[in-house]
Amino acid sequence: MDIGLLNERIVIQKNVVTTDEIGNQTNAWEEYYNCHATVGGATLISQKEQGGQPVDESDLSFTVRYCKKTVDINVTGYRVMFRNEIYDIVAVDYMNFKKKCIKIRCRKVRR
């Protein structure tokens, strides 16, 4: 893996349950891992029209270096922040389990 290609900063967030002072539980996103990544994908900008309005449905893939924190990433409990945009994780590819890099396929969240 060429580390010179890891030129974009991403934040991987984890979904955690927080409890307030009276015992109410809520879901919240907290920063889990901050790293550099290679950003790519077949459709960097893809716009569809829904209800007469253009809707941005960007699919990106982030390739990060393998480490203890990235091994735990899964589809349901994590998301990626990239350039102040939120991306849901669609798939995690461990690249033949060679323990060099992990590819995270994501879809932009509509707000």
C-alpha atoms as a PDB file:
ATOM      1  CA  MET A   1       0.000   0.000   0.000  1.00  0.00           C
ATOM      2  CA  ASP A   2       1.371   3.383  -1.006  1.00  0.00           C
ATOM      3  CA  ILE A   3       0.939   5.670   1.998  1.00  0.00           C
ATOM      4  CA  GLY A   4       1.361   8.713  -0.226  1.00  0.00           C
ATOM      5  CA  LEU A   5      -2.153   8.084  -1.520  1.00  0.00           C
ATOM      6  CA  LEU A   6      -3.660   8.492   1.966  1.00  0.00           C
ATOM      7  CA  ASN A   7      -4.279  12.187   1.413  1.00  0.00           C
ATOM      8  CA  GLU A   8      -7.747  12.824   2.887  1.00  0.00           C
ATOM      9  CA  ARG A   9      -8.702  13.052   6.550  1.00  0.00           C
ATOM     10  CA  ILE A  10     -11.776  11.120   7.724  1.00  0.00           C
ATOM     11  CA  VAL A  11     -13.434  10.556  11.086  1.00  0.00           C
ATOM     12  CA  ILE A  12     -15.041   7.227  11.889  1.00  0.00           C
ATOM     13  CA  GLN A  13     -17.837   7.590  14.424  1.00  0.00           C
ATOM     14  CA  LYS A  14     -19.332   4.912  16.650  1.00  0.00           C
ATOM     15  CA  ASN A  15     -22.944   4.654  17.783  1.00  0.00           C
ATOM     16  CA  VAL A  16     -23.093   4.537  21.586  1.00  0.00           C
ATOM     17  CA  VAL A  17     -25.893   4.543  24.148  1.00  0.00           C
ATOM     18  CA  THR A  18     -25.703   7.418  26.620  1.00  0.00           C
ATOM     19  CA  THR A  19     -27.598   7.752  29.877  1.00  0.00           C
ATOM     20  CA  ASP A  20     -28.557  11.112  31.347  1.00  0.00           C
ATOM     21  CA  GLU A  21     -28.854  12.003  35.041  1.00  0.00           C
ATOM     22  CA  ILE A  22     -32.391  10.584  35.407  1.00  0.00           C
ATOM     23  CA  GLY A  23     -31.707   7.324  33.570  1.00  0.00           C
ATOM     24  CA  ASN A  24     -33.018   8.045  30.080  1.00  0.00           C
ATOM     25  CA  GLN A  25     -31.052   6.248  27.393  1.00  0.00           C
ATOM     26  CA  THR A  26     -30.413   7.790  23.980  1.00  0.00           C
ATOM     27  CA  ASN A  27     -28.251   6.926  20.996  1.00  0.00           C
ATOM     28  CA  ALA A  28     -25.408   9.280  20.154  1.00  0.00           C
ATOM     29  CA  TRP A  29     -22.458   9.331  17.774  1.00  0.00           C
ATOM     30  CA  GLU A  30     -18.998   9.779  19.244  1.00  0.00           C
ATOM     31  CA  GLU A  31     -15.641  10.018  17.524  1.00  0.00           C
ATOM     32  CA  TYR A  32     -14.055   6.570  17.404  1.00  0.00           C
ATOM     33  CA  TYR A  33     -11.073   6.894  15.070  1.00  0.00           C
ATOM     34  CA  ASN A  34      -9.453   9.764  13.189  1.00  0.00           C
ATOM     35  CA  CYS A  35      -7.252   8.770  10.238  1.00  0.00           C
ATOM     36  CA  HIS A  36      -6.076   9.436   6.702  1.00  0.00           C
ATOM     37  CA  ALA A  37      -7.689   7.608   3.794  1.00  0.00           C
ATOM     38  CA  THR A  38      -7.660   7.205   0.047  1.00  0.00           C
ATOM     39  CA  VAL A  39     -11.014   8.311  -1.324  1.00  0.00           C
ATOM     40  CA  GLY A  40     -12.385   6.816  -4.487  1.00  0.00           C
ATOM     41  CA  GLY A  41     -15.449   5.350  -6.037  1.00  0.00           C
ATOM     42  CA  ALA A  42     -17.230   4.822  -9.288  1.00  0.00           C
ATOM     43  CA  THR A  43     -19.781   7.549  -8.637  1.00  0.00           C
ATOM     44  CA  LEU A  44     -18.368  10.519  -6.806  1.00  0.00           C
ATOM     45  CA  ILE A  45     -21.361  12.683  -7.715  1.00  0.00           C
ATOM     46  CA  SER A  46     -24.610  11.020  -8.676  1.00  0.00           C
ATOM     47  CA  GLN A  47     -27.835  12.982  -8.682  1.00  0.00           C
ATOM     48  CA  LYS A  48     -31.286  11.503  -9.006  1.00  0.00           C
ATOM     49  CA  GLU A  49     -34.572  13.284  -9.111  1.00  0.00           C
ATOM     50  CA  GLN A  50     -37.149  12.460  -6.477  1.00  0.00           C
ATOM     51  CA  GLY A  51     -40.416  14.380  -6.259  1.00  0.00           C
ATOM     52  CA  GLY A  52     -39.128  16.962  -8.708  1.00  0.00           C
ATOM     53  CA  GLN A  53     -36.094  17.757  -6.551  1.00  0.00           C
ATOM     54  CA  PRO A  54     -32.517  16.675  -7.291  1.00  0.00           C
ATOM     55  CA  VAL A  55     -31.202  14.269  -4.638  1.00  0.00           C
ATOM     56  CA  ASP A  56     -27.480  13.690  -4.166  1.00  0.00           C
ATOM     57  CA  GLU A  57     -26.705   9.976  -3.802  1.00  0.00           C
ATOM     58  CA  SER A  58     -22.929   9.858  -3.733  1.00  0.00           C
ATOM     59  CA  ASP A  59     -21.219   6.518  -3.201  1.00  0.00           C
ATOM     60  CA  LEU A  60     -17.623   6.656  -2.018  1.00  0.00           C
ATOM     61  CA  SER A  61     -15.065   4.125  -0.917  1.00  0.00           C
ATOM     62  CA  PHE A  62     -12.476   4.903   1.727  1.00  0.00           C
ATOM     63  CA  THR A  63      -9.305   2.837   1.986  1.00  0.00           C
ATOM     64  CA  VAL A  64      -7.583   3.054   5.375  1.00  0.00           C
ATOM     65  CA  ARG A  65      -4.605   1.303   6.895  1.00  0.00           C
ATOM     66  CA  TYR A  66      -5.224  -1.825   8.916  1.00  0.00           C
ATOM     67  CA  CYS A  67      -4.959  -1.412  12.699  1.00  0.00           C
ATOM     68  CA  LYS A  68      -6.621  -2.661  15.878  1.00  0.00           C
ATOM     69  CA  LYS A  69      -9.307   0.039  15.753  1.00  0.00           C
ATOM     70  CA  THR A  70     -10.274  -0.504  12.125  1.00  0.00           C
ATOM     71  CA  VAL A  71     -10.763  -4.250  12.595  1.00  0.00           C
ATOM     72  CA  ASP A  72     -13.900  -3.620  14.691  1.00  0.00           C
ATOM     73  CA  ILE A  73     -15.683  -1.475  12.067  1.00  0.00           C
ATOM     74  CA  ASN A  74     -18.995  -2.919  10.920  1.00  0.00           C
ATOM     75  CA  VAL A  75     -22.025  -1.816   8.928  1.00  0.00           C
ATOM     76  CA  THR A  76     -24.490  -1.254  11.756  1.00  0.00           C
ATOM     77  CA  GLY A  77     -22.600   0.575  14.495  1.00  0.00           C
ATOM     78  CA  TYR A  78     -20.306   2.963  12.625  1.00  0.00           C
ATOM     79  CA  ARG A  79     -20.385   5.810  10.102  1.00  0.00           C
ATOM     80  CA  VAL A  80     -17.851   8.046   8.356  1.00  0.00           C
ATOM     81  CA  MET A  81     -17.527  11.845   8.415  1.00  0.00           C
ATOM     82  CA  PHE A  82     -15.753  13.268   5.364  1.00  0.00           C
ATOM     83  CA  ARG A  83     -15.592  16.992   4.538  1.00  0.00           C
ATOM     84  CA  ASN A  84     -18.444  17.755   6.962  1.00  0.00           C
ATOM     85  CA  GLU A  85     -20.724  15.219   5.265  1.00  0.00           C
ATOM     86  CA  ILE A  86     -22.074  12.037   6.841  1.00  0.00           C
ATOM     87  CA  TYR A  87     -21.726   8.683   5.073  1.00  0.00           C
ATOM     88  CA  ASP A  88     -23.387   5.439   6.144  1.00  0.00           C
ATOM     89  CA  ILE A  89     -21.245   2.342   5.785  1.00  0.00           C
ATOM     90  CA  VAL A  90     -22.648  -0.069   3.200  1.00  0.00           C
ATOM     91  CA  ALA A  91     -19.873  -2.696   3.202  1.00  0.00           C
ATOM     92  CA  VAL A  92     -16.483  -3.372   4.770  1.00  0.00           C
ATOM     93  CA  ASP A  93     -13.877  -5.215   2.680  1.00  0.00           C
ATOM     94  CA  TYR A  94     -10.846  -6.603   4.532  1.00  0.00           C
ATOM     95  CA  MET A  95      -8.912  -6.999   1.255  1.00  0.00           C
ATOM     96  CA  ASN A  96      -8.289 -10.776   1.462  1.00  0.00           C
ATOM     97  CA  PHE A  97      -7.371 -10.511   5.174  1.00  0.00           C
ATOM     98  CA  LYS A  98      -3.765  -9.552   4.389  1.00  0.00           C
ATOM     99  CA  LYS A  99      -3.802  -7.097   7.317  1.00  0.00           C
ATOM    100  CA  LYS A 100      -2.565  -4.169   5.227  1.00  0.00           C
ATOM    101  CA  CYS A 101      -5.661  -2.117   4.445  1.00  0.00           C
ATOM    102  CA  ILE A 102      -9.444  -2.043   4.760  1.00  0.00           C
ATOM    103  CA  LYS A 103     -11.849  -0.656   2.165  1.00  0.00           C
ATOM    104  CA  ILE A 104     -15.049   0.924   3.480  1.00  0.00           C
ATOM    105  CA  ARG A 105     -17.871   1.451   0.952  1.00  0.00           C
ATOM    106  CA  CYS A 106     -20.241   4.250   1.971  1.00  0.00           C
ATOM    107  CA  ARG A 107     -23.362   6.076   0.820  1.00  0.00           C
ATOM    108  CA  LYS A 108     -24.065   9.721   1.589  1.00  0.00           C
ATOM    109  CA  VAL A 109     -26.791  10.331   4.166  1.00  0.00           C
ATOM    110  CA  ARG A 110     -29.724  12.494   3.126  1.00  0.00           C
ATOM    111  CA  ARG A 111     -30.557  15.256   5.572  1.00  0.00           C
END
